[in-house]
Amino acid sequence: MLNAAIDVAVAGREGVGVLDLHRMPGGYDPASWSVDRLHPSEAGHRLLARGLGDLLAEAGFAVPDPVPTDCAGGRRVTALDRGAWLIGVGAPWLARRGRDRGPVMLRSFAGGLRAGRR
């Protein structure tokens, strides 16, 4: 729904378009995302920068050199890295957020069940 609202908001407007990951080759490739799957990896940042440069060039702005998509280095994220992140960072974060949000969600869920019985 958010994407549709953005598309409606920019439809027919002149200027720089919207960078759409769905239309970018490699936008949803796991290598484009960091281990937390929320933030872009180096490859993802390069992909986004390249896409923005392309949009700017299409809108008539001077883009002297396209951003190279070849990574400068770094280590490849493996399944072991993702598992270690889940155990060391993801699960503790979820537990902390569960203490904050869990009771509210449970009350809301219970209220919905009670309302459904009436």
Protein backbone atom coordinates (compact mmCIF):
# COMPACT_ATOMS: atom_id res chain seq x y z
CA MET A 1 0.00 0.00 0.00
CA LEU A 2 2.89 2.35 0.77
CA ASN A 3 4.48 1.70 -2.62
CA ALA A 4 1.15 2.33 -4.35
CA ALA A 5 0.73 5.62 -2.44
CA ILE A 6 4.23 6.71 -3.48
CA ASP A 7 3.50 5.81 -7.10
CA VAL A 8 0.31 7.91 -7.01
CA ALA A 9 2.13 10.84 -5.36
CA VAL A 10 4.84 10.99 -8.04
CA ALA A 11 2.71 10.06 -11.08
CA GLY A 12 2.97 12.66 -13.82
CA ARG A 13 5.50 14.82 -11.98
CA GLU A 14 8.63 16.02 -13.65
CA GLY A 15 12.00 15.55 -12.05
CA VAL A 16 13.83 12.62 -10.58
CA GLY A 17 11.88 9.36 -10.50
CA VAL A 18 11.51 6.87 -7.70
CA LEU A 19 14.17 4.25 -7.14
CA ASP A 20 12.24 0.98 -7.11
CA LEU A 21 14.10 -2.04 -5.73
CA HIS A 22 11.57 -4.34 -7.36
CA ARG A 23 12.66 -3.14 -10.78
CA MET A 24 16.40 -3.10 -10.05
CA PRO A 25 18.33 -6.20 -11.08
CA GLY A 26 19.82 -7.55 -7.85
CA GLY A 27 17.63 -5.41 -5.59
CA TYR A 28 16.36 -8.44 -3.69
CA ASP A 29 19.50 -10.54 -4.00
CA PRO A 30 20.65 -11.63 -0.50
CA ALA A 31 24.15 -10.37 -1.34
CA SER A 32 22.68 -6.86 -1.57
CA TRP A 33 21.70 -6.93 2.10
CA SER A 34 23.66 -7.06 5.33
CA VAL A 35 23.38 -9.93 7.77
CA ASP A 36 20.39 -8.29 9.50
CA ARG A 37 18.46 -8.19 6.19
CA LEU A 38 17.37 -4.63 7.00
CA HIS A 39 20.37 -2.64 5.82
CA PRO A 40 22.17 -2.74 2.49
CA SER A 41 25.55 -4.45 2.26
CA GLU A 42 28.41 -2.80 0.39
CA ALA A 43 27.02 -4.34 -2.81
CA GLY A 44 23.56 -3.02 -1.92
CA HIS A 45 24.83 0.49 -1.24
CA ARG A 46 26.64 0.46 -4.58
CA LEU A 47 23.51 -0.82 -6.31
CA LEU A 48 21.38 1.93 -4.74
CA ALA A 49 23.95 4.62 -5.57
CA ARG A 50 24.15 3.38 -9.16
CA GLY A 51 20.35 3.37 -9.44
CA LEU A 52 20.10 6.91 -8.07
CA GLY A 53 22.82 8.05 -10.46
CA ASP A 54 20.86 6.53 -13.34
CA LEU A 55 17.69 8.33 -12.23
CA LEU A 56 19.56 11.63 -11.98
CA ALA A 57 21.05 11.14 -15.45
CA GLU A 58 17.60 10.31 -16.88
CA ALA A 59 16.27 13.55 -15.35
CA GLY A 60 18.98 15.53 -17.14
CA PHE A 61 21.52 15.98 -14.37
CA ALA A 62 25.18 15.57 -15.17
CA VAL A 63 26.51 12.32 -13.72
CA PRO A 64 30.16 12.21 -14.78
CA ASP A 65 30.94 8.65 -13.75
CA PRO A 66 28.48 5.90 -12.90
CA VAL A 67 29.08 4.27 -9.51
CA PRO A 68 30.94 0.99 -10.01
CA THR A 69 29.03 -2.01 -8.71
CA ASP A 70 32.17 -4.06 -8.05
CA CYS A 71 32.79 -4.29 -4.31
CA ALA A 72 36.03 -2.95 -2.95
CA GLY A 73 36.56 -5.83 -0.57
CA GLY A 74 35.14 -7.03 2.64
CA ARG A 75 34.06 -10.44 3.63
CA ARG A 76 31.23 -12.42 2.10
CA VAL A 77 28.33 -13.07 4.51
CA THR A 78 27.77 -16.80 5.02
CA ALA A 79 24.97 -18.86 6.58
CA LEU A 80 27.19 -19.18 9.67
CA ASP A 81 27.40 -15.38 9.90
CA ARG A 82 23.63 -15.11 9.64
CA GLY A 83 23.13 -17.77 12.32
CA ALA A 84 25.65 -16.10 14.64
CA TRP A 85 23.90 -12.76 14.14
CA LEU A 86 20.52 -14.33 14.88
CA ILE A 87 21.78 -15.86 18.13
CA GLY A 88 23.99 -12.97 19.25
CA VAL A 89 21.97 -9.96 18.13
CA GLY A 90 18.59 -10.88 16.64
CA ALA A 91 17.20 -13.06 19.42
CA PRO A 92 18.30 -10.71 22.25
CA TRP A 93 16.77 -7.76 20.39
CA LEU A 94 13.53 -9.68 19.93
CA ALA A 95 13.48 -10.58 23.64
CA ARG A 96 14.00 -6.93 24.64
CA ARG A 97 11.28 -5.76 22.27
CA GLY A 98 9.02 -8.57 23.48
CA ARG A 99 9.18 -7.21 27.02
CA ASP A 100 8.18 -3.77 25.70
CA ARG A 101 5.61 -4.75 23.11
CA GLY A 102 4.60 -8.28 24.10
CA PRO A 103 2.09 -7.35 26.83
CA VAL A 104 0.43 -4.78 24.59
CA MET A 105 0.13 -7.26 21.72
CA LEU A 106 -1.22 -9.99 24.01
CA ARG A 107 -3.86 -7.66 25.49
CA SER A 108 -4.90 -6.59 22.00
CA PHE A 109 -5.06 -10.20 20.82
CA ALA A 110 -7.06 -11.27 23.91
CA GLY A 111 -9.44 -8.33 23.42
CA GLY A 112 -9.98 -9.36 19.82
CA LEU A 113 -10.76 -12.93 20.88
CA ARG A 114 -13.25 -11.74 23.50
CA ALA A 115 -14.94 -9.43 20.98
CA GLY A 116 -15.22 -12.33 18.52
CA ARG A 117 -17.09 -14.47 21.06
CA ARG A 118 -19.82 -11.88 21.58
